[in-house]
Every structure is written in C-alpha cells, then in structure tokens.
C-alpha cells in the first residue's frame, strides 16, 4: 500500500503507520474503533497513539471519549527531517569515535575491515576520513585525477578546503607523484610547503594506473578515477604498515635514481 510505504519512509514503524493511515482515512476515532480497523488490541492502540502524539503527527481531541485524529500530513515532513538529522548526527559520532573499538578489535584479531564507496562522494569521504584520523599520509598519485578535480568547481573548492584543513591539523603528506607541468608550477610557487606536502618525483610514465593510494594511520585507501569512481578503505594495521613501507622504498629509489630538482 503506497500510503503505508510513505509513512514508513517518514519514520513510522509498521503498526504506527497502520494506525496513522486508519485515522487519516476515517477521521477522529477512539482506541476501540482503531483496534477494530487495524486488528491491534485496544491497549496497544492506546500506546501507539501516545507515541504518535510524541512524534507530532496526531493529536487527541477534546472529546471525552479520547478520540485521536491526524494533524496536517506536512508534519510527516518535519518528522522525516528530524530523523535525517539524527541519523547524520549518529553517523558523524560513530566515524569520529570508531577508533577506540578498532583498537580493542585489533588487540585480539588481525582480520581487516573494508568499505567500498562509489562516485565523487566516495572519494570525498576518503579525504574527510584522513582529516578525522589525523595521521601523516603516504600518497601514490595518479595523473588520472587531474580531470576529476580541476574540471569541476565544487570539487576543486572541496580539495582546496581539504588541503587547508590538513595543513592546519598538522598532517604531513609524503607524496610520490609523476612529473607534470601543473605540479612543477605549484612546487616552485611554494604551494607544497603551505600544504605540508613533501613530494618525491617519478617519471611521467612510471605509474599509469588510474588509481591513487593513500596510507594513513591503520588505513589504506584506493581510489579509482575513470568514468566511474570507486573508493575502497581497508582498515588493517598490518596491511597499512606494509603499504607504507612499500611506498617508502619506492620514494627512496626515485630520490636516488631520478632528478628531484624540477
């Protein structure tokens, strides 16, 4: 039933939606009448009606028979908005405090965790996660990211804000990047220093995959840039340390074998 689905999406459970729908279609009703229409017990209808009043979507009439009636259905929009804000607040809290649970988990278990995200929002989530973790980053850059970041004003603004916040938080980035004119210009202008960004150059054709790798704290993030963007965040102290050491080895190699003065 379409009405029930709308009500559930607004935040009501199955029984609450059923009671609301009956009141919507029949007007003011007593708990006994509601029970007759819904198949619920009278006691349960009292309890559900009380909860719906608390949620702000129905009211009790002044009638001595304790009848209930729906408020304007626009109240459901307010309920959905409140629900969205609570979910967003809870998500933010979990992301900011999950590290304590991970510490306990990895004290007794080495099984890695993984999250896969799609599209620009997935890539943005990786960068936001770096800010939450607040650990230095080892970064293997792909040239495929240039079109993604620089051809979209909103994404370009996000990246600039991320770089500024990263520097303010004292997060140092050690980057292995292909030589290109844009990066050279930025380095010569002093931009790397303002971003706490230490660059190791490698030949333009040394790494051509359309994926970047970022290692921070106990996490490894791999973001692919193409027609579809896929980001995977792997949480594992062992895997993160392995990838960090691999990137350090690569950086040492290119510092010794490729001109760093560009």
Protein backbone atom coordinates (compact mmCIF):
# COMPACT_ATOMS: atom_id res chain seq x y z
CA UNK A 1 0.00 0.00 0.00
CA UNK A 2 1.51 3.31 -1.12
CA UNK A 3 0.36 5.27 1.94
CA UNK A 4 1.99 2.81 4.33
CA UNK A 5 5.30 2.99 2.45
CA UNK A 6 5.28 6.80 2.60
CA UNK A 7 4.61 6.68 6.33
CA UNK A 8 7.39 4.16 6.93
CA UNK A 9 9.84 6.26 4.95
CA UNK A 10 8.88 9.21 7.15
CA UNK A 11 9.97 7.25 10.20
CA UNK A 12 6.94 5.29 11.43
CA UNK A 13 7.09 1.55 12.03
CA UNK A 14 4.55 -0.86 10.52
CA UNK A 15 2.00 -0.66 13.35
CA UNK A 16 2.33 3.11 13.76
CA UNK A 17 1.85 3.56 10.01
CA UNK A 18 -1.23 1.33 10.07
CA UNK A 19 -2.83 3.32 12.91
CA UNK A 20 -1.99 6.66 11.27
CA UNK A 21 -3.41 5.50 7.95
CA UNK A 22 -6.68 4.43 9.56
CA UNK A 23 -7.02 7.84 11.25
CA UNK A 24 -6.11 9.61 8.02
CA UNK A 25 -8.91 7.86 6.12
CA UNK A 26 -11.59 7.81 8.83
CA UNK A 27 -11.10 10.98 10.84
CA UNK A 28 -11.23 11.09 14.66
CA UNK A 29 -11.52 7.63 16.24
CA UNK A 30 -11.39 6.02 19.69
CA UNK A 31 -8.82 3.33 20.53
CA UNK A 32 -11.62 0.76 20.36
CA UNK A 33 -12.51 1.88 16.83
CA UNK A 34 -8.86 1.93 15.81
CA UNK A 35 -8.41 -1.59 17.20
CA UNK A 36 -11.40 -2.80 15.18
CA UNK A 37 -9.93 -1.40 11.95
CA UNK A 38 -6.31 -2.46 12.48
CA UNK A 39 -6.64 -5.76 14.31
CA UNK A 40 -4.48 -4.47 17.16
CA UNK A 41 -5.50 -4.74 20.82
CA UNK A 42 -7.12 -1.71 22.43
CA UNK A 43 -4.20 -1.41 24.88
CA UNK A 44 -1.70 -1.42 22.03
CA UNK A 45 -3.70 1.23 20.17
CA UNK A 46 -3.52 3.47 23.24
CA UNK A 47 0.26 3.01 23.36
CA UNK A 48 0.70 3.60 19.62
CA UNK A 49 -1.49 6.70 19.71
CA UNK A 50 0.56 8.08 22.60
CA UNK A 51 3.76 7.53 20.61
CA UNK A 52 2.30 9.19 17.51
CA UNK A 53 1.40 12.21 19.62
CA UNK A 54 5.01 12.34 20.87
CA UNK A 55 6.19 12.22 17.26
CA UNK A 56 3.95 15.19 16.49
CA UNK A 57 1.80 13.63 13.76
CA UNK A 58 -1.55 13.10 15.55
CA UNK A 59 -3.39 14.76 18.41
CA UNK A 60 -6.01 13.84 21.00
CA UNK A 61 -9.32 15.64 20.61
CA UNK A 62 -11.15 17.38 23.43
CA UNK A 63 -13.85 14.74 23.20
CA UNK A 64 -14.48 12.87 26.44
CA UNK A 65 -14.25 9.57 24.57
CA UNK A 66 -10.49 10.11 24.00
CA UNK A 67 -10.57 10.25 20.24
CA UNK A 68 -7.46 10.75 18.15
CA UNK A 69 -7.03 12.48 14.81
CA UNK A 70 -4.16 13.18 12.44
CA UNK A 71 -2.53 16.56 12.15
CA UNK A 72 -1.78 18.03 8.73
CA UNK A 73 0.36 15.43 6.91
CA UNK A 74 3.04 18.09 6.43
CA UNK A 75 4.02 17.13 10.00
CA UNK A 76 5.45 13.97 8.44
CA UNK A 77 7.99 16.09 6.56
CA UNK A 78 9.15 17.56 9.86
CA UNK A 79 9.41 14.06 11.31
CA UNK A 80 11.47 12.85 8.33
CA UNK A 81 13.77 15.87 8.63
CA UNK A 82 14.33 15.21 12.35
CA UNK A 83 15.03 11.58 11.58
CA UNK A 84 17.58 12.53 8.90
CA UNK A 85 19.37 14.87 11.29
CA UNK A 86 19.53 12.20 14.00
CA UNK A 87 20.91 9.64 11.53
CA UNK A 88 23.51 12.13 10.26
CA UNK A 89 24.50 13.03 13.83
CA UNK A 90 24.84 9.35 14.78
CA UNK A 91 26.90 8.62 11.65
CA UNK A 92 29.25 11.51 12.44
CA UNK A 93 29.65 10.34 16.04
CA UNK A 94 30.45 6.75 15.01
CA UNK A 95 33.02 7.87 12.42
CA UNK A 96 34.75 10.16 14.92
CA UNK A 97 34.85 7.59 17.73
CA UNK A 98 35.23 4.22 15.98
CA UNK A 99 39.00 4.15 16.63
CA UNK A 100 38.56 3.03 20.26
CA UNK A 101 36.58 -0.03 19.12
CA UNK A 102 39.14 -0.78 16.41
CA UNK A 103 41.96 -0.67 18.98
CA UNK A 104 40.19 -3.31 21.07
CA UNK A 105 39.41 -5.41 17.99
CA UNK A 106 42.97 -5.41 16.65
CA UNK A 107 44.37 -6.28 20.07
CA UNK A 108 42.74 -9.68 19.62
CA UNK A 109 42.19 -10.04 15.88
CA UNK A 110 44.02 -9.27 12.62
CA UNK A 111 41.05 -9.55 10.26
CA UNK A 112 40.93 -6.42 8.06
CA UNK A 113 37.81 -4.34 7.52
CA UNK A 114 36.82 -2.80 4.20
CA UNK A 115 34.36 -0.20 2.94
CA UNK A 116 33.64 0.37 -0.74
CA UNK A 117 32.17 3.70 -1.85
CA UNK A 118 31.09 4.94 -5.27
CA UNK A 119 31.26 8.23 -7.13
CA UNK A 120 32.68 11.63 -6.16
CA UNK A 121 31.15 11.37 -2.68
CA UNK A 122 33.16 8.20 -2.08
CA UNK A 123 36.42 9.94 -2.94
CA UNK A 124 35.45 12.92 -0.78
CA UNK A 125 34.74 10.52 2.10
CA UNK A 126 38.32 9.20 1.86
CA UNK A 127 39.69 12.73 2.19
CA UNK A 128 37.35 13.51 5.09
CA UNK A 129 38.44 10.28 6.78
CA UNK A 130 42.08 11.40 6.54
CA UNK A 131 41.12 14.57 8.43
CA UNK A 132 39.35 12.50 11.09
CA UNK A 133 42.26 10.10 11.59
CA UNK A 134 44.81 12.96 11.78
CA UNK A 135 47.83 10.83 10.86
CA UNK A 136 50.55 11.51 8.27
CA UNK A 137 49.76 10.33 4.77
CA UNK A 138 51.83 8.34 2.28
CA UNK A 139 50.39 9.05 -1.12
CA UNK A 140 50.85 7.49 -4.57
CA UNK A 141 49.28 9.91 -7.05
CA UNK A 142 47.78 9.14 -10.43
CA UNK A 143 47.60 11.70 -13.22
CA UNK A 144 44.07 10.46 -13.93
CA UNK A 145 42.82 12.54 -11.00
CA UNK A 146 43.57 15.88 -12.70
CA UNK A 147 40.43 15.99 -14.84
CA UNK A 148 38.28 14.88 -11.89
CA UNK A 149 39.42 17.63 -9.52
CA UNK A 150 40.13 20.55 -11.82
CA UNK A 151 37.16 20.43 -14.23
CA UNK A 152 34.53 20.77 -11.52
CA UNK A 153 34.30 23.97 -9.45
CA UNK A 154 32.59 22.30 -6.48
CA UNK A 155 35.16 19.51 -6.29
CA UNK A 156 38.01 21.97 -6.77
CA UNK A 157 36.72 24.00 -3.82
CA UNK A 158 36.41 20.84 -1.72
CA UNK A 159 40.03 19.89 -2.50
CA UNK A 160 41.32 23.35 -1.58
CA UNK A 161 39.43 23.26 1.73
CA UNK A 162 40.76 19.77 2.42
CA UNK A 163 44.36 20.83 1.83
CA UNK A 164 43.99 23.82 4.13
CA UNK A 165 42.37 21.77 6.91
CA UNK A 166 45.02 19.06 6.51
CA UNK A 167 47.79 21.60 7.00
CA UNK A 168 46.05 23.20 9.99
CA UNK A 169 45.74 19.77 11.63
CA UNK A 170 49.48 19.21 11.16
CA UNK A 171 49.01 16.24 8.83
CA UNK A 172 52.14 15.84 6.72
CA UNK A 173 51.79 14.22 3.29
CA UNK A 174 54.63 12.29 1.68
CA UNK A 175 53.70 12.03 -1.99
CA UNK A 176 55.13 10.05 -4.87
CA UNK A 177 53.95 11.91 -7.97
CA UNK A 178 54.58 11.79 -11.72
CA UNK A 179 56.33 14.82 -13.22
CA UNK A 180 53.88 17.22 -14.85
CA UNK A 181 53.80 20.95 -15.52
CA UNK A 182 50.97 21.74 -13.13
CA UNK A 183 52.74 20.07 -10.20
CA UNK A 184 56.08 21.66 -11.07
CA UNK A 185 54.50 25.12 -11.18
CA UNK A 186 52.81 24.55 -7.84
CA UNK A 187 56.02 23.32 -6.22
CA UNK A 188 58.04 26.30 -7.47
CA UNK A 189 55.41 28.72 -6.15
CA UNK A 190 55.79 27.33 -2.63
CA UNK A 191 52.39 25.64 -2.58
CA UNK A 192 53.77 22.31 -1.35
CA UNK A 193 55.24 23.94 1.76
CA UNK A 194 51.96 25.66 2.62
CA UNK A 195 50.20 22.30 2.39
CA UNK A 196 52.81 20.36 4.45
CA UNK A 197 53.29 18.37 1.27
CA UNK A 198 56.66 16.66 0.62
CA UNK A 199 56.94 15.45 -2.94
CA UNK A 200 59.10 12.75 -4.49
CA UNK A 201 59.19 12.93 -8.29
CA UNK A 202 59.00 9.89 -10.56
CA UNK A 203 58.99 9.72 -14.38
CA UNK A 204 55.71 10.59 -16.06
CA UNK A 205 55.29 7.08 -17.46
CA UNK A 206 56.43 5.19 -14.34
CA UNK A 207 52.91 4.85 -12.98
CA UNK A 208 49.98 4.99 -15.39
CA UNK A 209 47.18 3.23 -13.49
CA UNK A 210 44.03 5.28 -12.88
CA UNK A 211 44.11 4.71 -9.14
CA UNK A 212 45.62 6.62 -6.26
CA UNK A 213 46.76 5.06 -2.98
CA UNK A 214 46.73 6.84 0.36
CA UNK A 215 48.07 5.25 3.54
CA UNK A 216 47.18 6.94 6.84
CA UNK A 217 47.15 5.51 10.33
CA UNK A 218 45.88 1.94 10.16
CA UNK A 219 44.13 2.51 6.83
CA UNK A 220 44.81 2.14 3.12
CA UNK A 221 42.51 3.94 0.69
CA UNK A 222 42.48 3.15 -3.03
CA UNK A 223 40.50 5.50 -5.27
CA UNK A 224 40.00 4.81 -8.97
CA UNK A 225 39.42 7.65 -11.43
CA UNK A 226 37.55 6.85 -14.61
CA UNK A 227 34.01 7.04 -15.92
CA UNK A 228 33.01 5.53 -12.56
CA UNK A 229 34.88 6.34 -9.36
CA UNK A 230 35.31 3.52 -6.83
CA UNK A 231 36.96 4.03 -3.45
CA UNK A 232 37.90 1.28 -1.03
CA UNK A 233 39.09 1.93 2.51
CA UNK A 234 40.88 -1.03 4.10
CA UNK A 235 41.39 -0.92 7.85
CA UNK A 236 44.26 -3.13 8.99
CA UNK A 237 47.42 -2.18 10.90
CA UNK A 238 49.40 -4.93 9.14
CA UNK A 239 48.28 -4.01 5.61
CA UNK A 240 48.71 -0.29 6.25
CA UNK A 241 52.25 -0.77 7.53
CA UNK A 242 53.12 -3.00 4.56
CA UNK A 243 51.86 -0.40 2.08
CA UNK A 244 53.62 2.41 3.95
CA UNK A 245 56.94 0.56 3.75
CA UNK A 246 56.43 -0.20 0.05
CA UNK A 247 55.83 3.49 -0.69
CA UNK A 248 58.88 4.48 1.36
CA UNK A 249 61.02 2.03 -0.64
CA UNK A 250 59.69 3.47 -3.90
CA UNK A 251 60.34 7.02 -2.74
CA UNK A 252 63.91 6.20 -1.70
CA UNK A 253 64.51 4.56 -5.08
CA UNK A 254 63.33 7.58 -7.10
CA UNK A 255 65.16 10.05 -4.87
CA UNK A 256 68.38 8.21 -5.72
CA UNK A 257 67.67 7.43 -9.38
CA UNK A 258 65.53 10.26 -10.74
CA UNK A 259 66.27 14.02 -10.70
CA UNK A 260 64.32 15.70 -7.89
CA UNK A 261 65.08 19.28 -8.93
CA UNK A 262 62.35 20.08 -11.40
